[in-house]
């Protein structure tokens, strides 16, 4: 369907143009990622720009481009995405790791470095990016809990991929019977989008599982429940930390206070209040 005589430069220009036509802001980056997925890396774009692209490779890349033009997230198309410098398998049924969440990992890793024990519980784990990153970066012994069977399959793949000390548990984080014991850190990036947020989702975000996004009418359902269950599972001096959405800091801090907890807030790289945490 596509011209087999396209050069590397010509194919790159075509992809950029098509991506720009649907409003993709970083069209050059995405074009590079799509080409790299079929072996045409950034070096090839410089040193082999006039080389002809085989029909096979051209067809594969353009097939991926069509998926992107239909709104599918780039991360799903590539099948893997980086988080905290580590690779994570992603695809239909699992939330895509985002840079915002690295702030949550940083807060927890900084706390764990001074602990003699580093037993950690990651709730609503999804791909396992938080728990796996903590295991890798701080040597934590981590249990990741995920309810969705689709997401759980990615969680298990990512544990093996990153070769970490992480136990994956298929279960409901909102059921206090799912995991027993006490922990040095309990961390979660729960679903926190409101009904209004869900109505206004970007097209590509609609490909991600609703169960990993929707936190009830006001976005706070999961916070209410986990605050009822998990602070009592902390060891003395332990830390409980959650990610929050934009402008949710006052509401979530209020829920912490209702449960007798003193809160601290950490901003992400963009200056957004992104993490609420407390100590026992």
C-alpha atoms as a PDB file:
ATOM      1  CA  UNK A   1       0.000   0.000   0.000  1.00  0.00           C
ATOM      2  CA  UNK A   2       2.958   2.328   0.639  1.00  0.00           C
ATOM      3  CA  UNK A   3       5.790   3.189  -1.727  1.00  0.00           C
ATOM      4  CA  UNK A   4       8.562   0.665  -1.195  1.00  0.00           C
ATOM      5  CA  UNK A   5      11.058   3.160  -2.625  1.00  0.00           C
ATOM      6  CA  UNK A   6      10.722   5.602   0.274  1.00  0.00           C
ATOM      7  CA  UNK A   7      14.041   6.673   1.759  1.00  0.00           C
ATOM      8  CA  UNK A   8      14.642   6.736   5.507  1.00  0.00           C
ATOM      9  CA  UNK A   9      14.360  10.538   5.408  1.00  0.00           C
ATOM     10  CA  UNK A  10      11.226  10.406   3.265  1.00  0.00           C
ATOM     11  CA  UNK A  11       9.499   7.920   5.549  1.00  0.00           C
ATOM     12  CA  UNK A  12      10.374   9.979   8.612  1.00  0.00           C
ATOM     13  CA  UNK A  13       9.002  13.146   6.996  1.00  0.00           C
ATOM     14  CA  UNK A  14       5.797  11.357   6.017  1.00  0.00           C
ATOM     15  CA  UNK A  15       5.225  10.050   9.541  1.00  0.00           C
ATOM     16  CA  UNK A  16       5.860  13.499  11.058  1.00  0.00           C
ATOM     17  CA  UNK A  17       3.402  15.081   8.645  1.00  0.00           C
ATOM     18  CA  UNK A  18       0.670  12.535   9.375  1.00  0.00           C
ATOM     19  CA  UNK A  19       1.148  12.872  13.142  1.00  0.00           C
ATOM     20  CA  UNK A  20       1.026  16.668  12.959  1.00  0.00           C
ATOM     21  CA  UNK A  21      -2.222  16.421  10.999  1.00  0.00           C
ATOM     22  CA  UNK A  22      -3.977  14.924  14.053  1.00  0.00           C
ATOM     23  CA  UNK A  23      -2.427  17.397  16.486  1.00  0.00           C
ATOM     24  CA  UNK A  24       0.349  15.276  18.006  1.00  0.00           C
ATOM     25  CA  UNK A  25       2.547  17.858  19.761  1.00  0.00           C
ATOM     26  CA  UNK A  26       5.826  15.930  19.762  1.00  0.00           C
ATOM     27  CA  UNK A  27       5.521  14.471  16.279  1.00  0.00           C
ATOM     28  CA  UNK A  28       9.285  14.178  15.753  1.00  0.00           C
ATOM     29  CA  UNK A  29       9.788  12.162  18.923  1.00  0.00           C
ATOM     30  CA  UNK A  30       6.892   9.842  18.102  1.00  0.00           C
ATOM     31  CA  UNK A  31       8.098   9.405  14.519  1.00  0.00           C
ATOM     32  CA  UNK A  32      11.536   8.451  15.832  1.00  0.00           C
ATOM     33  CA  UNK A  33       9.994   5.951  18.243  1.00  0.00           C
ATOM     34  CA  UNK A  34       7.901   4.315  15.515  1.00  0.00           C
ATOM     35  CA  UNK A  35      10.888   4.004  13.194  1.00  0.00           C
ATOM     36  CA  UNK A  36      13.163   2.757  15.963  1.00  0.00           C
ATOM     37  CA  UNK A  37      10.648   0.007  16.749  1.00  0.00           C
ATOM     38  CA  UNK A  38      11.554  -1.502  13.375  1.00  0.00           C
ATOM     39  CA  UNK A  39      15.305  -1.020  13.654  1.00  0.00           C
ATOM     40  CA  UNK A  40      15.660   2.470  12.163  1.00  0.00           C
ATOM     41  CA  UNK A  41      17.173   4.304  15.099  1.00  0.00           C
ATOM     42  CA  UNK A  42      18.261   7.933  15.420  1.00  0.00           C
ATOM     43  CA  UNK A  43      21.698   7.106  13.987  1.00  0.00           C
ATOM     44  CA  UNK A  44      20.049   5.709  10.873  1.00  0.00           C
ATOM     45  CA  UNK A  45      18.110   8.949  10.470  1.00  0.00           C
ATOM     46  CA  UNK A  46      21.465  10.747  10.261  1.00  0.00           C
ATOM     47  CA  UNK A  47      23.812   8.347   8.483  1.00  0.00           C
ATOM     48  CA  UNK A  48      21.359   6.419   6.302  1.00  0.00           C
ATOM     49  CA  UNK A  49      18.774   9.063   5.492  1.00  0.00           C
ATOM     50  CA  UNK A  50      19.011   8.466   1.736  1.00  0.00           C
ATOM     51  CA  UNK A  51      18.892   4.673   2.022  1.00  0.00           C
ATOM     52  CA  UNK A  52      15.800   2.933   0.668  1.00  0.00           C
ATOM     53  CA  UNK A  53      13.457   1.388   3.234  1.00  0.00           C
ATOM     54  CA  UNK A  54      12.383  -2.151   2.435  1.00  0.00           C
ATOM     55  CA  UNK A  55       8.715  -2.762   1.709  1.00  0.00           C
ATOM     56  CA  UNK A  56       8.518  -5.032   4.748  1.00  0.00           C
ATOM     57  CA  UNK A  57       9.825  -2.447   7.211  1.00  0.00           C
ATOM     58  CA  UNK A  58       7.868   0.375   5.603  1.00  0.00           C
ATOM     59  CA  UNK A  59       4.656  -1.643   5.833  1.00  0.00           C
ATOM     60  CA  UNK A  60       5.237  -2.511   9.515  1.00  0.00           C
ATOM     61  CA  UNK A  61       5.958   1.094  10.467  1.00  0.00           C
ATOM     62  CA  UNK A  62       3.013   2.485   8.547  1.00  0.00           C
ATOM     63  CA  UNK A  63       0.739  -0.112  10.124  1.00  0.00           C
ATOM     64  CA  UNK A  64       1.801   1.148  13.552  1.00  0.00           C
ATOM     65  CA  UNK A  65       1.283   4.717  12.368  1.00  0.00           C
ATOM     66  CA  UNK A  66      -2.298   3.932  11.369  1.00  0.00           C
ATOM     67  CA  UNK A  67      -2.947   2.639  14.874  1.00  0.00           C
ATOM     68  CA  UNK A  68      -1.532   5.866  16.285  1.00  0.00           C
ATOM     69  CA  UNK A  69      -3.648   7.960  13.918  1.00  0.00           C
ATOM     70  CA  UNK A  70      -6.696   6.075  15.202  1.00  0.00           C
ATOM     71  CA  UNK A  71      -5.854   7.356  18.694  1.00  0.00           C
ATOM     72  CA  UNK A  72      -4.120   4.341  20.216  1.00  0.00           C
ATOM     73  CA  UNK A  73      -1.402   5.396  22.697  1.00  0.00           C
ATOM     74  CA  UNK A  74       2.156   5.239  21.390  1.00  0.00           C
ATOM     75  CA  UNK A  75       3.151   3.193  24.445  1.00  0.00           C
ATOM     76  CA  UNK A  76       0.674   0.424  23.603  1.00  0.00           C
ATOM     77  CA  UNK A  77       1.876   0.342  20.003  1.00  0.00           C
ATOM     78  CA  UNK A  78       5.508   0.025  21.073  1.00  0.00           C
ATOM     79  CA  UNK A  79       4.592  -2.506  23.772  1.00  0.00           C
ATOM     80  CA  UNK A  80       7.140  -1.153  26.236  1.00  0.00           C
ATOM     81  CA  UNK A  81       7.767   2.117  28.058  1.00  0.00           C
ATOM     82  CA  UNK A  82      10.428   3.486  30.390  1.00  0.00           C
ATOM     83  CA  UNK A  83       9.751   4.503  33.992  1.00  0.00           C
ATOM     84  CA  UNK A  84      12.478   5.547  36.439  1.00  0.00           C
ATOM     85  CA  UNK A  85      14.990   4.385  33.848  1.00  0.00           C
ATOM     86  CA  UNK A  86      13.535   0.857  33.805  1.00  0.00           C
ATOM     87  CA  UNK A  87      11.642  -0.956  31.009  1.00  0.00           C
ATOM     88  CA  UNK A  88       7.992  -1.913  31.479  1.00  0.00           C
ATOM     89  CA  UNK A  89       5.800  -4.003  29.217  1.00  0.00           C
ATOM     90  CA  UNK A  90       2.464  -2.285  28.548  1.00  0.00           C
ATOM     91  CA  UNK A  91      -0.586  -2.882  26.381  1.00  0.00           C
ATOM     92  CA  UNK A  92      -4.364  -3.118  26.410  1.00  0.00           C
ATOM     93  CA  UNK A  93      -5.715  -3.458  29.927  1.00  0.00           C
ATOM     94  CA  UNK A  94      -2.932  -1.779  31.902  1.00  0.00           C
ATOM     95  CA  UNK A  95      -2.314   1.839  32.867  1.00  0.00           C
ATOM     96  CA  UNK A  96       0.674   3.438  31.135  1.00  0.00           C
ATOM     97  CA  UNK A  97       3.455   4.489  33.565  1.00  0.00           C
ATOM     98  CA  UNK A  98       3.761   8.276  33.648  1.00  0.00           C
ATOM     99  CA  UNK A  99       6.583  10.581  34.660  1.00  0.00           C
ATOM    100  CA  UNK A 100       4.322  12.263  37.255  1.00  0.00           C
ATOM    101  CA  UNK A 101       4.370   9.023  39.244  1.00  0.00           C
ATOM    102  CA  UNK A 102       8.162   9.047  39.490  1.00  0.00           C
ATOM    103  CA  UNK A 103       7.697  11.680  42.224  1.00  0.00           C
ATOM    104  CA  UNK A 104       5.896   9.084  44.335  1.00  0.00           C
ATOM    105  CA  UNK A 105       8.760   6.636  43.836  1.00  0.00           C
ATOM    106  CA  UNK A 106      11.318   9.303  44.781  1.00  0.00           C
ATOM    107  CA  UNK A 107       9.509  10.117  48.040  1.00  0.00           C
ATOM    108  CA  UNK A 108       9.341   6.452  49.046  1.00  0.00           C
ATOM    109  CA  UNK A 109      12.878   5.570  47.932  1.00  0.00           C
ATOM    110  CA  UNK A 110      14.294   8.496  49.896  1.00  0.00           C
ATOM    111  CA  UNK A 111      12.503   7.243  53.007  1.00  0.00           C
ATOM    112  CA  UNK A 112      13.537   3.618  52.530  1.00  0.00           C
ATOM    113  CA  UNK A 113      17.255   4.348  52.207  1.00  0.00           C
ATOM    114  CA  UNK A 114      17.471   5.014  55.949  1.00  0.00           C
ATOM    115  CA  UNK A 115      15.420   1.967  57.025  1.00  0.00           C
ATOM    116  CA  UNK A 116      16.964  -1.233  58.310  1.00  0.00           C
ATOM    117  CA  UNK A 117      13.992  -3.124  56.893  1.00  0.00           C
ATOM    118  CA  UNK A 118      12.319  -2.200  53.615  1.00  0.00           C
ATOM    119  CA  UNK A 119       9.143  -4.239  53.441  1.00  0.00           C
ATOM    120  CA  UNK A 120       6.851  -2.435  51.008  1.00  0.00           C
ATOM    121  CA  UNK A 121       3.262  -2.833  49.840  1.00  0.00           C
ATOM    122  CA  UNK A 122       2.159  -1.397  46.482  1.00  0.00           C
ATOM    123  CA  UNK A 123      -1.637  -1.148  46.138  1.00  0.00           C
ATOM    124  CA  UNK A 124      -3.475  -0.946  42.784  1.00  0.00           C
ATOM    125  CA  UNK A 125      -0.123  -1.863  41.268  1.00  0.00           C
ATOM    126  CA  UNK A 126      -1.078  -2.132  37.570  1.00  0.00           C
ATOM    127  CA  UNK A 127       2.104  -2.666  35.556  1.00  0.00           C
ATOM    128  CA  UNK A 128       4.033  -2.805  38.826  1.00  0.00           C
ATOM    129  CA  UNK A 129       6.061   0.275  37.927  1.00  0.00           C
ATOM    130  CA  UNK A 130       6.053   1.752  41.453  1.00  0.00           C
ATOM    131  CA  UNK A 131       6.829  -1.417  43.390  1.00  0.00           C
ATOM    132  CA  UNK A 132       9.352  -2.692  40.856  1.00  0.00           C
ATOM    133  CA  UNK A 133      11.155   0.659  40.736  1.00  0.00           C
ATOM    134  CA  UNK A 134      11.345   0.715  44.542  1.00  0.00           C
ATOM    135  CA  UNK A 135      12.687  -2.828  44.632  1.00  0.00           C
ATOM    136  CA  UNK A 136      15.306  -1.974  42.021  1.00  0.00           C
ATOM    137  CA  UNK A 137      16.337   1.412  43.383  1.00  0.00           C
ATOM    138  CA  UNK A 138      16.223   0.789  47.129  1.00  0.00           C
ATOM    139  CA  UNK A 139      16.438  -2.972  47.525  1.00  0.00           C
ATOM    140  CA  UNK A 140      12.942  -3.090  48.984  1.00  0.00           C
ATOM    141  CA  UNK A 141      11.110  -6.371  49.473  1.00  0.00           C
ATOM    142  CA  UNK A 142       7.826  -5.580  47.730  1.00  0.00           C
ATOM    143  CA  UNK A 143       4.340  -7.032  47.472  1.00  0.00           C
ATOM    144  CA  UNK A 144       2.304  -5.681  44.555  1.00  0.00           C
ATOM    145  CA  UNK A 145      -1.477  -6.085  44.669  1.00  0.00           C
ATOM    146  CA  UNK A 146      -3.544  -5.836  41.482  1.00  0.00           C
ATOM    147  CA  UNK A 147      -7.182  -6.791  40.903  1.00  0.00           C
ATOM    148  CA  UNK A 148      -7.379  -6.809  37.083  1.00  0.00           C
ATOM    149  CA  UNK A 149      -6.292 -10.080  35.512  1.00  0.00           C
ATOM    150  CA  UNK A 150      -5.196  -8.253  32.350  1.00  0.00           C
ATOM    151  CA  UNK A 151      -2.992  -5.836  34.275  1.00  0.00           C
ATOM    152  CA  UNK A 152      -1.734  -8.659  36.484  1.00  0.00           C
ATOM    153  CA  UNK A 153      -0.290 -10.440  33.447  1.00  0.00           C
ATOM    154  CA  UNK A 154       1.807  -7.347  32.692  1.00  0.00           C
ATOM    155  CA  UNK A 155       2.802  -7.074  36.344  1.00  0.00           C
ATOM    156  CA  UNK A 156       4.224 -10.595  36.314  1.00  0.00           C
ATOM    157  CA  UNK A 157       6.059  -9.977  33.025  1.00  0.00           C
ATOM    158  CA  UNK A 158       7.621  -6.814  34.420  1.00  0.00           C
ATOM    159  CA  UNK A 159       8.807  -8.526  37.593  1.00  0.00           C
ATOM    160  CA  UNK A 160      10.651 -11.073  35.455  1.00  0.00           C
ATOM    161  CA  UNK A 161      11.906  -8.428  33.031  1.00  0.00           C
ATOM    162  CA  UNK A 162      13.472  -6.337  35.790  1.00  0.00           C
ATOM    163  CA  UNK A 163      14.659  -9.271  37.943  1.00  0.00           C
ATOM    164  CA  UNK A 164      13.503  -7.870  41.268  1.00  0.00           C
ATOM    165  CA  UNK A 165      12.375  -9.136  44.670  1.00  0.00           C
ATOM    166  CA  UNK A 166       8.674  -8.524  44.094  1.00  0.00           C
ATOM    167  CA  UNK A 167       5.731 -10.792  44.910  1.00  0.00           C
ATOM    168  CA  UNK A 168       2.682 -10.265  42.689  1.00  0.00           C
ATOM    169  CA  UNK A 169      -0.715 -10.824  44.319  1.00  0.00           C
ATOM    170  CA  UNK A 170      -3.909 -11.038  42.279  1.00  0.00           C
ATOM    171  CA  UNK A 171      -6.516  -9.563  44.590  1.00  0.00           C
ATOM    172  CA  UNK A 172      -8.634  -6.614  45.646  1.00  0.00           C
ATOM    173  CA  UNK A 173      -6.635  -3.882  47.408  1.00  0.00           C
ATOM    174  CA  UNK A 174      -9.872  -2.647  48.989  1.00  0.00           C
ATOM    175  CA  UNK A 175     -10.342  -5.948  50.825  1.00  0.00           C
ATOM    176  CA  UNK A 176      -8.265  -5.894  54.012  1.00  0.00           C
ATOM    177  CA  UNK A 177      -8.004  -9.695  53.934  1.00  0.00           C
ATOM    178  CA  UNK A 178      -5.979  -9.659  50.695  1.00  0.00           C
ATOM    179  CA  UNK A 179      -2.612  -9.008  52.357  1.00  0.00           C
ATOM    180  CA  UNK A 180      -1.575  -9.507  55.960  1.00  0.00           C
ATOM    181  CA  UNK A 181       1.409  -8.329  57.964  1.00  0.00           C
ATOM    182  CA  UNK A 182       3.020  -4.968  58.617  1.00  0.00           C
ATOM    183  CA  UNK A 183       5.042  -2.812  56.261  1.00  0.00           C
ATOM    184  CA  UNK A 184       7.695  -0.097  56.326  1.00  0.00           C
ATOM    185  CA  UNK A 185       6.066   1.604  53.344  1.00  0.00           C
ATOM    186  CA  UNK A 186       2.581   1.357  51.913  1.00  0.00           C
ATOM    187  CA  UNK A 187       2.224   3.160  48.606  1.00  0.00           C
ATOM    188  CA  UNK A 188      -0.522   3.570  46.036  1.00  0.00           C
ATOM    189  CA  UNK A 189      -1.388   5.365  42.834  1.00  0.00           C
ATOM    190  CA  UNK A 190      -5.114   4.607  42.951  1.00  0.00           C
ATOM    191  CA  UNK A 191      -7.782   5.543  40.399  1.00  0.00           C
ATOM    192  CA  UNK A 192      -8.603   9.186  41.107  1.00  0.00           C
ATOM    193  CA  UNK A 193     -10.390  10.712  38.102  1.00  0.00           C
ATOM    194  CA  UNK A 194     -13.830  12.218  38.738  1.00  0.00           C
ATOM    195  CA  UNK A 195     -16.966  11.763  36.631  1.00  0.00           C
ATOM    196  CA  UNK A 196     -16.237  15.120  34.997  1.00  0.00           C
ATOM    197  CA  UNK A 197     -12.638  14.071  34.296  1.00  0.00           C
ATOM    198  CA  UNK A 198     -13.830  10.887  32.596  1.00  0.00           C
ATOM    199  CA  UNK A 199     -16.144  12.854  30.333  1.00  0.00           C
ATOM    200  CA  UNK A 200     -13.267  15.107  29.243  1.00  0.00           C
ATOM    201  CA  UNK A 201     -10.631  12.406  28.632  1.00  0.00           C
ATOM    202  CA  UNK A 202      -8.319  12.729  25.655  1.00  0.00           C
ATOM    203  CA  UNK A 203      -8.998  10.160  22.969  1.00  0.00           C
ATOM    204  CA  UNK A 204      -5.820   8.181  23.601  1.00  0.00           C
ATOM    205  CA  UNK A 205      -6.450   7.960  27.353  1.00  0.00           C
ATOM    206  CA  UNK A 206      -9.807   6.305  26.572  1.00  0.00           C
ATOM    207  CA  UNK A 207      -7.810   3.274  25.416  1.00  0.00           C
ATOM    208  CA  UNK A 208      -6.593   2.757  28.987  1.00  0.00           C
ATOM    209  CA  UNK A 209      -8.695   0.720  31.434  1.00  0.00           C
ATOM    210  CA  UNK A 210     -11.461   2.708  33.125  1.00  0.00           C
ATOM    211  CA  UNK A 211     -10.974   0.687  36.309  1.00  0.00           C
ATOM    212  CA  UNK A 212      -7.467   2.157  36.624  1.00  0.00           C
ATOM    213  CA  UNK A 213      -8.699   5.714  36.089  1.00  0.00           C
ATOM    214  CA  UNK A 214     -12.132   6.284  37.625  1.00  0.00           C
ATOM    215  CA  UNK A 215     -12.169   7.031  41.345  1.00  0.00           C
ATOM    216  CA  UNK A 216     -15.884   7.636  41.786  1.00  0.00           C
ATOM    217  CA  UNK A 217     -17.995  10.758  41.293  1.00  0.00           C
ATOM    218  CA  UNK A 218     -15.574  12.971  43.230  1.00  0.00           C
ATOM    219  CA  UNK A 219     -12.461  10.865  42.531  1.00  0.00           C
ATOM    220  CA  UNK A 220     -11.944  10.032  46.195  1.00  0.00           C
ATOM    221  CA  UNK A 221     -13.542   6.588  46.624  1.00  0.00           C
ATOM    222  CA  UNK A 222     -10.256   4.671  46.768  1.00  0.00           C
ATOM    223  CA  UNK A 223      -8.621   7.102  49.175  1.00  0.00           C
ATOM    224  CA  UNK A 224     -11.525   6.757  51.598  1.00  0.00           C
ATOM    225  CA  UNK A 225     -11.283   2.973  51.628  1.00  0.00           C
ATOM    226  CA  UNK A 226      -7.503   2.539  51.749  1.00  0.00           C
ATOM    227  CA  UNK A 227      -7.252   5.075  54.571  1.00  0.00           C
ATOM    228  CA  UNK A 228      -9.684   2.937  56.556  1.00  0.00           C
ATOM    229  CA  UNK A 229      -7.589  -0.190  56.056  1.00  0.00           C
ATOM    230  CA  UNK A 230      -3.893   0.425  55.589  1.00  0.00           C
ATOM    231  CA  UNK A 231      -2.429   2.940  58.057  1.00  0.00           C
ATOM    232  CA  UNK A 232      -2.906   0.312  60.781  1.00  0.00           C
ATOM    233  CA  UNK A 233      -0.764  -2.089  58.731  1.00  0.00           C
ATOM    234  CA  UNK A 234       2.262   0.222  58.988  1.00  0.00           C
ATOM    235  CA  UNK A 235       5.199  -0.554  61.235  1.00  0.00           C
ATOM    236  CA  UNK A 236       6.065   2.057  63.829  1.00  0.00           C
ATOM    237  CA  UNK A 237       7.782   4.915  61.998  1.00  0.00           C
ATOM    238  CA  UNK A 238       6.519   3.596  58.652  1.00  0.00           C
ATOM    239  CA  UNK A 239       5.304   5.746  55.765  1.00  0.00           C
ATOM    240  CA  UNK A 240       2.011   5.748  53.864  1.00  0.00           C
ATOM    241  CA  UNK A 241       2.096   7.616  50.524  1.00  0.00           C
ATOM    242  CA  UNK A 242      -0.349   8.152  47.660  1.00  0.00           C
ATOM    243  CA  UNK A 243      -0.399   9.927  44.337  1.00  0.00           C
ATOM    244  CA  UNK A 244      -3.191  12.450  43.764  1.00  0.00           C
ATOM    245  CA  UNK A 245      -4.681  14.296  40.823  1.00  0.00           C
ATOM    246  CA  UNK A 246      -4.430  18.004  40.085  1.00  0.00           C
ATOM    247  CA  UNK A 247      -6.106  20.148  42.769  1.00  0.00           C
ATOM    248  CA  UNK A 248      -7.002  17.128  44.930  1.00  0.00           C
ATOM    249  CA  UNK A 249      -4.527  17.982  47.690  1.00  0.00           C
ATOM    250  CA  UNK A 250      -6.986  19.735  50.024  1.00  0.00           C
ATOM    251  CA  UNK A 251      -9.629  17.027  49.719  1.00  0.00           C
ATOM    252  CA  UNK A 252      -7.204  14.125  50.185  1.00  0.00           C
ATOM    253  CA  UNK A 253      -5.394  15.854  53.056  1.00  0.00           C
ATOM    254  CA  UNK A 254      -8.803  16.300  54.653  1.00  0.00           C
ATOM    255  CA  UNK A 255      -9.417  12.539  54.439  1.00  0.00           C
ATOM    256  CA  UNK A 256      -6.030  11.870  56.030  1.00  0.00           C
ATOM    257  CA  UNK A 257      -6.880  14.243  58.887  1.00  0.00           C
ATOM    258  CA  UNK A 258     -10.254  12.550  59.394  1.00  0.00           C
ATOM    259  CA  UNK A 259      -8.263   9.374  60.045  1.00  0.00           C
ATOM    260  CA  UNK A 260      -5.986  11.120  62.546  1.00  0.00           C
ATOM    261  CA  UNK A 261      -3.033  11.446  60.179  1.00  0.00           C
ATOM    262  CA  UNK A 262      -0.707  14.426  59.760  1.00  0.00           C
ATOM    263  CA  UNK A 263       0.068  15.021  56.101  1.00  0.00           C
ATOM    264  CA  UNK A 264       2.964  16.249  54.025  1.00  0.00           C
ATOM    265  CA  UNK A 265       2.795  17.223  50.354  1.00  0.00           C
ATOM    266  CA  UNK A 266       5.351  16.815  47.557  1.00  0.00           C
ATOM    267  CA  UNK A 267       5.185  18.606  44.201  1.00  0.00           C
ATOM    268  CA  UNK A 268       6.131  16.956  40.916  1.00  0.00           C
ATOM    269  CA  UNK A 269       8.547  18.375  38.325  1.00  0.00           C
ATOM    270  CA  UNK A 270       5.829  20.652  36.953  1.00  0.00           C
ATOM    271  CA  UNK A 271       5.078  22.150  40.354  1.00  0.00           C
ATOM    272  CA  UNK A 272       1.817  20.234  40.776  1.00  0.00           C
ATOM    273  CA  UNK A 273       1.032  18.915  44.260  1.00  0.00           C
ATOM    274  CA  UNK A 274       1.286  15.228  43.371  1.00  0.00           C
ATOM    275  CA  UNK A 275       2.061  13.159  46.488  1.00  0.00           C
ATOM    276  CA  UNK A 276       0.450  13.093  49.941  1.00  0.00           C
ATOM    277  CA  UNK A 277       2.292  11.139  52.625  1.00  0.00           C
ATOM    278  CA  UNK A 278       2.273  10.559  56.350  1.00  0.00           C
ATOM    279  CA  UNK A 279       4.242   8.693  59.035  1.00  0.00           C
ATOM    280  CA  UNK A 280       3.053   6.403  61.793  1.00  0.00           C
END
